Amino acid sequence: MILKEFSKYIQTKNEDIIHKNSTAAKILCDWIKIVINKNPKGHVDKIVHKEIMLAQNKPGDFLIVGKSESGRVLLNALYNYAQSYEHYILSKWLIDKKPKDFTP
């Protein structure tokens, strides 16, 4: 359920991944910040609020941690999914490329 919601979000960021404007880990952090900073309405929002904590300092650096063991497992699953999705998108992009495409 949570992976499905994150999956919908990261799919809208394919171009950012391909053009190296963002990474899957950064997109995951952005999604978590969006979910945590809004009023929880659905089950996904409530679970993320209950299981994940976001700490941010004045310069804008932030840290995301699981509040419990299940929160750490959830974060690990989301991170692994994000990484595998990034590899998938880049491998699809690479399929039609030739070696000459990468020479200066």
C-alpha atoms as a PDB file:
ATOM      1  CA  MET A   1       0.000   0.000   0.000  1.00  0.00           C
ATOM      2  CA  ILE A   2       2.771   2.459   0.958  1.00  0.00           C
ATOM      3  CA  LEU A   3       5.088   1.246  -1.801  1.00  0.00           C
ATOM      4  CA  LYS A   4       2.232   1.680  -4.266  1.00  0.00           C
ATOM      5  CA  GLU A   5       1.769   5.333  -3.262  1.00  0.00           C
ATOM      6  CA  PHE A   6       5.501   6.005  -3.441  1.00  0.00           C
ATOM      7  CA  SER A   7       5.616   4.189  -6.782  1.00  0.00           C
ATOM      8  CA  LYS A   8       3.023   6.569  -8.218  1.00  0.00           C
ATOM      9  CA  TYR A   9       5.073   9.539  -7.035  1.00  0.00           C
ATOM     10  CA  ILE A  10       8.454   8.334  -8.310  1.00  0.00           C
ATOM     11  CA  GLN A  11       6.977   7.470 -11.717  1.00  0.00           C
ATOM     12  CA  THR A  12       6.242  11.166 -12.214  1.00  0.00           C
ATOM     13  CA  LYS A  13       9.969  11.867 -11.750  1.00  0.00           C
ATOM     14  CA  ASN A  14      11.386   9.632 -14.525  1.00  0.00           C
ATOM     15  CA  GLU A  15      12.772  12.566 -16.504  1.00  0.00           C
ATOM     16  CA  ASP A  16      14.532  13.937 -13.423  1.00  0.00           C
ATOM     17  CA  ILE A  17      16.263  10.586 -12.949  1.00  0.00           C
ATOM     18  CA  ILE A  18      17.235  10.223 -16.605  1.00  0.00           C
ATOM     19  CA  HIS A  19      18.606  13.765 -16.862  1.00  0.00           C
ATOM     20  CA  LYS A  20      20.374  13.465 -13.486  1.00  0.00           C
ATOM     21  CA  ASN A  21      18.404  16.346 -11.993  1.00  0.00           C
ATOM     22  CA  SER A  22      17.609  14.117  -9.035  1.00  0.00           C
ATOM     23  CA  THR A  23      18.286  10.683  -7.628  1.00  0.00           C
ATOM     24  CA  ALA A  24      15.853   8.077  -6.399  1.00  0.00           C
ATOM     25  CA  ALA A  25      17.026   8.631  -2.812  1.00  0.00           C
ATOM     26  CA  LYS A  26      16.373  12.374  -3.101  1.00  0.00           C
ATOM     27  CA  ILE A  27      12.945  11.701  -4.601  1.00  0.00           C
ATOM     28  CA  LEU A  28      12.176   9.362  -1.690  1.00  0.00           C
ATOM     29  CA  CYS A  29      13.187  12.075   0.777  1.00  0.00           C
ATOM     30  CA  ASP A  30      11.021  14.623  -1.032  1.00  0.00           C
ATOM     31  CA  TRP A  31       8.022  12.269  -0.927  1.00  0.00           C
ATOM     32  CA  ILE A  32       8.471  11.566   2.777  1.00  0.00           C
ATOM     33  CA  LYS A  33       8.739  15.303   3.480  1.00  0.00           C
ATOM     34  CA  ILE A  34       5.524  15.916   1.527  1.00  0.00           C
ATOM     35  CA  VAL A  35       3.638  13.173   3.373  1.00  0.00           C
ATOM     36  CA  ILE A  36       4.915  14.155   6.820  1.00  0.00           C
ATOM     37  CA  ASN A  37       4.264  17.870   6.331  1.00  0.00           C
ATOM     38  CA  LYS A  38       0.608  17.438   5.412  1.00  0.00           C
ATOM     39  CA  ASN A  39      -2.326  16.535   7.603  1.00  0.00           C
ATOM     40  CA  PRO A  40      -2.701  12.715   7.508  1.00  0.00           C
ATOM     41  CA  LYS A  41      -5.911  11.694   5.772  1.00  0.00           C
ATOM     42  CA  GLY A  42      -5.531   8.161   4.481  1.00  0.00           C
ATOM     43  CA  HIS A  43      -3.944   5.008   5.838  1.00  0.00           C
ATOM     44  CA  VAL A  44      -0.659   5.620   4.036  1.00  0.00           C
ATOM     45  CA  ASP A  45      -0.292   9.099   5.523  1.00  0.00           C
ATOM     46  CA  LYS A  46      -1.158   7.859   9.003  1.00  0.00           C
ATOM     47  CA  ILE A  47       1.337   4.984   8.840  1.00  0.00           C
ATOM     48  CA  VAL A  48       4.133   7.210   7.558  1.00  0.00           C
ATOM     49  CA  HIS A  49       3.382   9.733  10.331  1.00  0.00           C
ATOM     50  CA  LYS A  50       3.408   6.985  12.952  1.00  0.00           C
ATOM     51  CA  GLU A  51       6.497   5.106  11.749  1.00  0.00           C
ATOM     52  CA  ILE A  52       8.833   7.736  10.259  1.00  0.00           C
ATOM     53  CA  MET A  53      10.347  10.838  11.803  1.00  0.00           C
ATOM     54  CA  LEU A  54      11.774  13.791   9.901  1.00  0.00           C
ATOM     55  CA  ALA A  55      14.266  16.121  11.598  1.00  0.00           C
ATOM     56  CA  GLN A  56      15.405  19.279   9.831  1.00  0.00           C
ATOM     57  CA  ASN A  57      17.823  22.039  10.812  1.00  0.00           C
ATOM     58  CA  LYS A  58      17.823  25.743   9.869  1.00  0.00           C
ATOM     59  CA  PRO A  59      20.039  25.373   6.750  1.00  0.00           C
ATOM     60  CA  GLY A  60      17.545  22.821   5.397  1.00  0.00           C
ATOM     61  CA  ASP A  61      19.478  19.611   5.989  1.00  0.00           C
ATOM     62  CA  PHE A  62      17.263  16.793   7.161  1.00  0.00           C
ATOM     63  CA  LEU A  63      17.409  13.332   8.631  1.00  0.00           C
ATOM     64  CA  ILE A  64      14.780  10.648   8.170  1.00  0.00           C
ATOM     65  CA  VAL A  65      14.640   7.767  10.658  1.00  0.00           C
ATOM     66  CA  GLY A  66      12.227   5.056  11.642  1.00  0.00           C
ATOM     67  CA  LYS A  67      10.549   5.589  15.001  1.00  0.00           C
ATOM     68  CA  SER A  68      10.458   1.852  15.660  1.00  0.00           C
ATOM     69  CA  GLU A  69      11.773  -1.385  14.193  1.00  0.00           C
ATOM     70  CA  SER A  70       8.826  -1.533  11.794  1.00  0.00           C
ATOM     71  CA  GLY A  71       9.563   2.061  10.746  1.00  0.00           C
ATOM     72  CA  ARG A  72      13.170   1.116  10.002  1.00  0.00           C
ATOM     73  CA  VAL A  73      11.980  -1.857   7.959  1.00  0.00           C
ATOM     74  CA  LEU A  74       9.574   0.428   6.073  1.00  0.00           C
ATOM     75  CA  LEU A  75      12.328   2.963   5.332  1.00  0.00           C
ATOM     76  CA  ASN A  76      14.647   0.197   4.173  1.00  0.00           C
ATOM     77  CA  ALA A  77      11.960  -1.206   1.855  1.00  0.00           C
ATOM     78  CA  LEU A  78      11.222   2.241   0.417  1.00  0.00           C
ATOM     79  CA  TYR A  79      14.930   2.942  -0.109  1.00  0.00           C
ATOM     80  CA  ASN A  80      15.531  -0.439  -1.790  1.00  0.00           C
ATOM     81  CA  TYR A  81      12.524   0.109  -4.038  1.00  0.00           C
ATOM     82  CA  ALA A  82      13.743   3.593  -4.981  1.00  0.00           C
ATOM     83  CA  GLN A  83      17.203   2.273  -5.872  1.00  0.00           C
ATOM     84  CA  SER A  84      15.845  -0.604  -7.939  1.00  0.00           C
ATOM     85  CA  TYR A  85      13.452   1.746  -9.730  1.00  0.00           C
ATOM     86  CA  GLU A  86      16.301   4.109 -10.594  1.00  0.00           C
ATOM     87  CA  HIS A  87      18.337   1.202 -12.005  1.00  0.00           C
ATOM     88  CA  TYR A  88      15.317   0.038 -13.997  1.00  0.00           C
ATOM     89  CA  ILE A  89      14.701   3.482 -15.528  1.00  0.00           C
ATOM     90  CA  LEU A  90      18.354   3.951 -16.418  1.00  0.00           C
ATOM     91  CA  SER A  91      18.601   0.465 -17.950  1.00  0.00           C
ATOM     92  CA  LYS A  92      15.536   1.205 -20.118  1.00  0.00           C
ATOM     93  CA  TRP A  93      17.145   4.472 -21.193  1.00  0.00           C
ATOM     94  CA  LEU A  94      20.403   2.678 -22.011  1.00  0.00           C
ATOM     95  CA  ILE A  95      18.849  -0.009 -24.265  1.00  0.00           C
ATOM     96  CA  ASP A  96      18.877   2.016 -27.484  1.00  0.00           C
ATOM     97  CA  LYS A  97      22.220   3.743 -26.868  1.00  0.00           C
ATOM     98  CA  LYS A  98      25.349   2.910 -28.852  1.00  0.00           C
ATOM     99  CA  PRO A  99      28.975   3.243 -27.668  1.00  0.00           C
ATOM    100  CA  LYS A 100      29.477   6.223 -29.985  1.00  0.00           C
ATOM    101  CA  ASP A 101      26.738   8.054 -28.049  1.00  0.00           C
ATOM    102  CA  PHE A 102      29.125   8.288 -25.094  1.00  0.00           C
ATOM    103  CA  THR A 103      32.247   9.564 -26.854  1.00  0.00           C
ATOM    104  CA  PRO A 104      33.009  13.295 -26.586  1.00  0.00           C
END
